[in-house]
Amino acid sequence: MTLQTYSVERMDELAMRLFDVAATLRQTALLCRENDMEGFPLHDKKALEWLAQLEQWAHEGVGKVQASVVSQKAVQRALQSVSGVKKKK
């Protein structure tokens, strides 16, 4: 696996791709419903595996971002407290 830096725009683009896939699945369900179809066979093993991995990846990403935010705020508070302390002569 390669570690990639994701900008906010890149994360948004990925989210939009996921929304597009979700919309396609909803459209398929609606089409079946409108035509009184109970369903249709699909090979789903790989898709479900990929989805599980994607969910795990997304949750790990949120955790890393949250940890980074906490760390950055701690550094900022430390810098503010150091710059606010007056030196004695």
N, C-alpha and C. Protein backbone atom coordinates (compact mmCIF):
# COMPACT_ATOMS: atom_id res chain seq x y z
N MET A 1 0.83 -1.17 0.00
CA MET A 1 0.00 0.00 0.00
C MET A 1 0.87 1.24 0.00
N THR A 2 0.44 2.23 -0.76
CA THR A 2 1.18 3.47 -0.86
C THR A 2 0.45 4.54 -0.06
N LEU A 3 1.19 5.25 0.76
CA LEU A 3 0.62 6.34 1.56
C LEU A 3 0.46 7.55 0.66
N GLN A 4 -0.76 8.05 0.53
CA GLN A 4 -1.07 9.19 -0.32
C GLN A 4 -1.59 10.33 0.54
N THR A 5 -1.22 11.54 0.20
CA THR A 5 -1.77 12.70 0.87
C THR A 5 -3.05 13.10 0.14
N TYR A 6 -4.13 13.22 0.90
CA TYR A 6 -5.42 13.60 0.34
C TYR A 6 -5.75 15.04 0.72
N SER A 7 -5.91 15.88 -0.28
CA SER A 7 -6.37 17.25 -0.03
C SER A 7 -7.87 17.19 0.25
N VAL A 8 -8.40 18.28 0.75
CA VAL A 8 -9.83 18.35 0.99
C VAL A 8 -10.58 18.13 -0.32
N GLU A 9 -10.09 18.71 -1.40
CA GLU A 9 -10.74 18.56 -2.71
C GLU A 9 -10.72 17.11 -3.17
N ARG A 10 -9.61 16.44 -2.95
CA ARG A 10 -9.51 15.03 -3.37
C ARG A 10 -10.46 14.16 -2.56
N MET A 11 -10.60 14.44 -1.26
CA MET A 11 -11.55 13.69 -0.44
C MET A 11 -12.98 13.94 -0.92
N ASP A 12 -13.29 15.20 -1.26
CA ASP A 12 -14.61 15.52 -1.80
C ASP A 12 -14.88 14.79 -3.10
N GLU A 13 -13.87 14.73 -3.98
CA GLU A 13 -14.03 14.02 -5.25
C GLU A 13 -14.31 12.54 -5.01
N LEU A 14 -13.61 11.95 -4.06
CA LEU A 14 -13.84 10.54 -3.74
C LEU A 14 -15.25 10.34 -3.19
N ALA A 15 -15.67 11.24 -2.31
CA ALA A 15 -17.02 11.16 -1.75
C ALA A 15 -18.06 11.26 -2.86
N MET A 16 -17.84 12.14 -3.83
CA MET A 16 -18.79 12.28 -4.93
C MET A 16 -18.84 11.02 -5.79
N ARG A 17 -17.72 10.37 -5.98
CA ARG A 17 -17.71 9.10 -6.72
C ARG A 17 -18.52 8.05 -5.98
N LEU A 18 -18.38 8.03 -4.65
CA LEU A 18 -19.16 7.08 -3.86
C LEU A 18 -20.65 7.40 -3.94
N PHE A 19 -20.99 8.68 -3.91
CA PHE A 19 -22.40 9.07 -4.07
C PHE A 19 -22.93 8.63 -5.43
N ASP A 20 -22.10 8.75 -6.48
CA ASP A 20 -22.52 8.31 -7.81
C ASP A 20 -22.81 6.81 -7.84
N VAL A 21 -21.94 6.04 -7.20
CA VAL A 21 -22.16 4.58 -7.13
C VAL A 21 -23.44 4.29 -6.35
N ALA A 22 -23.63 4.97 -5.23
CA ALA A 22 -24.84 4.78 -4.43
C ALA A 22 -26.08 5.15 -5.24
N ALA A 23 -26.01 6.23 -6.00
CA ALA A 23 -27.14 6.65 -6.82
C ALA A 23 -27.47 5.60 -7.89
N THR A 24 -26.44 5.00 -8.45
CA THR A 24 -26.66 3.94 -9.45
C THR A 24 -27.35 2.74 -8.83
N LEU A 25 -26.93 2.36 -7.63
CA LEU A 25 -27.57 1.25 -6.95
C LEU A 25 -29.03 1.58 -6.60
N ARG A 26 -29.27 2.81 -6.15
CA ARG A 26 -30.65 3.22 -5.85
C ARG A 26 -31.49 3.23 -7.11
N GLN A 27 -30.93 3.68 -8.23
CA GLN A 27 -31.64 3.69 -9.50
C GLN A 27 -32.00 2.27 -9.92
N THR A 28 -31.09 1.33 -9.71
CA THR A 28 -31.34 -0.07 -10.03
C THR A 28 -32.47 -0.62 -9.17
N ALA A 29 -32.45 -0.30 -7.88
CA ALA A 29 -33.51 -0.76 -6.99
C ALA A 29 -34.86 -0.17 -7.41
N LEU A 30 -34.87 1.11 -7.77
CA LEU A 30 -36.10 1.76 -8.19
C LEU A 30 -36.64 1.14 -9.47
N LEU A 31 -35.75 0.85 -10.40
CA LEU A 31 -36.15 0.22 -11.66
C LEU A 31 -36.79 -1.15 -11.40
N CYS A 32 -36.18 -1.91 -10.50
CA CYS A 32 -36.76 -3.22 -10.14
C CYS A 32 -38.13 -3.03 -9.49
N ARG A 33 -38.21 -2.08 -8.58
CA ARG A 33 -39.48 -1.82 -7.88
C ARG A 33 -40.57 -1.41 -8.86
N GLU A 34 -40.25 -0.50 -9.76
CA GLU A 34 -41.24 0.00 -10.73
C GLU A 34 -41.71 -1.09 -11.68
N ASN A 35 -40.89 -2.10 -11.89
CA ASN A 35 -41.23 -3.17 -12.82
C ASN A 35 -41.60 -4.47 -12.10
N ASP A 36 -41.95 -4.32 -10.84
CA ASP A 36 -42.40 -5.45 -10.02
C ASP A 36 -41.44 -6.64 -10.04
N MET A 37 -40.17 -6.34 -10.05
CA MET A 37 -39.16 -7.38 -9.98
C MET A 37 -38.77 -7.59 -8.52
N GLU A 38 -38.68 -8.81 -8.12
CA GLU A 38 -38.27 -9.13 -6.75
C GLU A 38 -36.78 -8.84 -6.56
N GLY A 39 -36.05 -8.92 -7.62
CA GLY A 39 -34.61 -8.72 -7.59
C GLY A 39 -33.98 -9.44 -8.76
N PHE A 40 -32.68 -9.49 -8.77
CA PHE A 40 -31.97 -10.19 -9.83
C PHE A 40 -30.63 -10.63 -9.28
N PRO A 41 -30.06 -11.69 -9.86
CA PRO A 41 -28.81 -12.22 -9.31
C PRO A 41 -27.60 -11.35 -9.66
N LEU A 42 -26.77 -11.16 -8.68
CA LEU A 42 -25.52 -10.43 -8.85
C LEU A 42 -24.41 -11.16 -8.11
N HIS A 43 -23.22 -11.16 -8.67
CA HIS A 43 -22.06 -11.66 -7.94
C HIS A 43 -21.60 -10.51 -7.03
N ASP A 44 -21.67 -10.71 -5.73
CA ASP A 44 -21.41 -9.59 -4.83
C ASP A 44 -20.26 -9.81 -3.86
N LYS A 45 -19.63 -10.97 -3.89
CA LYS A 45 -18.60 -11.25 -2.90
C LYS A 45 -17.48 -10.21 -2.91
N LYS A 46 -16.93 -9.93 -4.08
CA LYS A 46 -15.82 -8.97 -4.17
C LYS A 46 -16.30 -7.56 -3.81
N ALA A 47 -17.47 -7.18 -4.29
CA ALA A 47 -17.98 -5.84 -3.99
C ALA A 47 -18.16 -5.65 -2.48
N LEU A 48 -18.69 -6.66 -1.81
CA LEU A 48 -18.89 -6.56 -0.37
C LEU A 48 -17.56 -6.53 0.38
N GLU A 49 -16.56 -7.29 -0.11
CA GLU A 49 -15.23 -7.25 0.49
C GLU A 49 -14.61 -5.86 0.32
N TRP A 50 -14.72 -5.30 -0.88
CA TRP A 50 -14.17 -3.97 -1.15
C TRP A 50 -14.87 -2.92 -0.30
N LEU A 51 -16.18 -3.05 -0.18
CA LEU A 51 -16.93 -2.09 0.62
C LEU A 51 -16.51 -2.16 2.09
N ALA A 52 -16.32 -3.35 2.61
CA ALA A 52 -15.87 -3.50 4.00
C ALA A 52 -14.49 -2.86 4.19
N GLN A 53 -13.60 -3.07 3.23
CA GLN A 53 -12.26 -2.48 3.31
C GLN A 53 -12.34 -0.96 3.19
N LEU A 54 -13.21 -0.47 2.33
CA LEU A 54 -13.38 0.97 2.16
C LEU A 54 -13.92 1.61 3.45
N GLU A 55 -14.89 0.95 4.07
CA GLU A 55 -15.42 1.46 5.34
C GLU A 55 -14.34 1.51 6.41
N GLN A 56 -13.53 0.45 6.48
CA GLN A 56 -12.44 0.43 7.46
C GLN A 56 -11.44 1.54 7.17
N TRP A 57 -11.09 1.71 5.92
CA TRP A 57 -10.15 2.75 5.50
C TRP A 57 -10.67 4.12 5.87
N ALA A 58 -11.96 4.36 5.63
CA ALA A 58 -12.56 5.66 5.95
C ALA A 58 -12.55 5.93 7.45
N HIS A 59 -12.90 4.92 8.24
CA HIS A 59 -12.90 5.10 9.70
C HIS A 59 -11.50 5.32 10.24
N GLU A 60 -10.53 4.61 9.70
CA GLU A 60 -9.14 4.83 10.11
C GLU A 60 -8.70 6.25 9.76
N GLY A 61 -9.11 6.71 8.59
CA GLY A 61 -8.75 8.06 8.17
C GLY A 61 -9.32 9.12 9.09
N VAL A 62 -10.58 8.95 9.48
CA VAL A 62 -11.20 9.89 10.42
C VAL A 62 -10.42 9.91 11.73
N GLY A 63 -10.06 8.74 12.22
CA GLY A 63 -9.30 8.67 13.47
C GLY A 63 -7.96 9.38 13.37
N LYS A 64 -7.28 9.21 12.25
CA LYS A 64 -5.99 9.87 12.05
C LYS A 64 -6.13 11.39 11.97
N VAL A 65 -7.18 11.84 11.28
CA VAL A 65 -7.40 13.28 11.17
C VAL A 65 -7.75 13.86 12.54
N GLN A 66 -8.61 13.18 13.29
CA GLN A 66 -8.97 13.66 14.62
C GLN A 66 -7.75 13.73 15.53
N ALA A 67 -6.89 12.72 15.48
CA ALA A 67 -5.68 12.73 16.29
C ALA A 67 -4.76 13.87 15.88
N SER A 68 -4.66 14.14 14.59
CA SER A 68 -3.82 15.22 14.09
C SER A 68 -4.36 16.57 14.54
N VAL A 69 -5.67 16.74 14.51
CA VAL A 69 -6.28 17.99 14.95
C VAL A 69 -5.98 18.24 16.42
N VAL A 70 -6.15 17.22 17.25
CA VAL A 70 -5.88 17.34 18.69
C VAL A 70 -4.41 17.71 18.91
N SER A 71 -3.52 17.07 18.18
CA SER A 71 -2.09 17.34 18.31
C SER A 71 -1.76 18.77 17.89
N GLN A 72 -2.32 19.22 16.78
CA GLN A 72 -2.07 20.59 16.32
C GLN A 72 -2.58 21.62 17.32
N LYS A 73 -3.75 21.37 17.88
CA LYS A 73 -4.30 22.30 18.87
C LYS A 73 -3.43 22.35 20.12
N ALA A 74 -2.90 21.20 20.52
CA ALA A 74 -2.02 21.15 21.69
C ALA A 74 -0.75 21.95 21.44
N VAL A 75 -0.19 21.82 20.25
CA VAL A 75 1.02 22.57 19.90
C VAL A 75 0.71 24.07 19.90
N GLN A 76 -0.42 24.46 19.34
CA GLN A 76 -0.80 25.87 19.31
C GLN A 76 -0.97 26.43 20.72
N ARG A 77 -1.63 25.67 21.59
CA ARG A 77 -1.80 26.13 22.97
C ARG A 77 -0.46 26.25 23.68
N ALA A 78 0.44 25.30 23.43
CA ALA A 78 1.76 25.35 24.05
C ALA A 78 2.53 26.58 23.57
N LEU A 79 2.46 26.85 22.29
CA LEU A 79 3.15 28.02 21.75
C LEU A 79 2.57 29.32 22.29
N GLN A 80 1.25 29.35 22.44
CA GLN A 80 0.60 30.54 22.99
C GLN A 80 0.99 30.76 24.44
N SER A 81 1.06 29.68 25.19
CA SER A 81 1.41 29.83 26.61
C SER A 81 2.88 30.23 26.77
N VAL A 82 3.74 29.75 25.88
CA VAL A 82 5.16 30.13 25.95
C VAL A 82 5.35 31.58 25.54
N SER A 83 4.66 32.01 24.50
CA SER A 83 4.80 33.39 24.04
C SER A 83 4.12 34.37 24.99
N GLY A 84 3.19 33.90 25.78
CA GLY A 84 2.51 34.75 26.75
C GLY A 84 3.26 34.91 28.03
N VAL A 85 4.28 34.10 28.27
CA VAL A 85 5.06 34.18 29.51
C VAL A 85 6.13 35.24 29.33
N LYS A 86 6.17 36.22 30.26
CA LYS A 86 7.18 37.27 30.19
C LYS A 86 8.45 36.80 30.87
N LYS A 87 9.56 37.10 30.24
CA LYS A 87 10.85 36.73 30.80
C LYS A 87 11.27 37.74 31.87
N LYS A 88 11.82 37.25 32.97
CA LYS A 88 12.33 38.13 34.04
C LYS A 88 13.75 38.55 33.71
N LYS A 89 14.07 39.80 34.05
CA LYS A 89 15.43 40.29 33.79
C LYS A 89 16.31 40.08 34.95
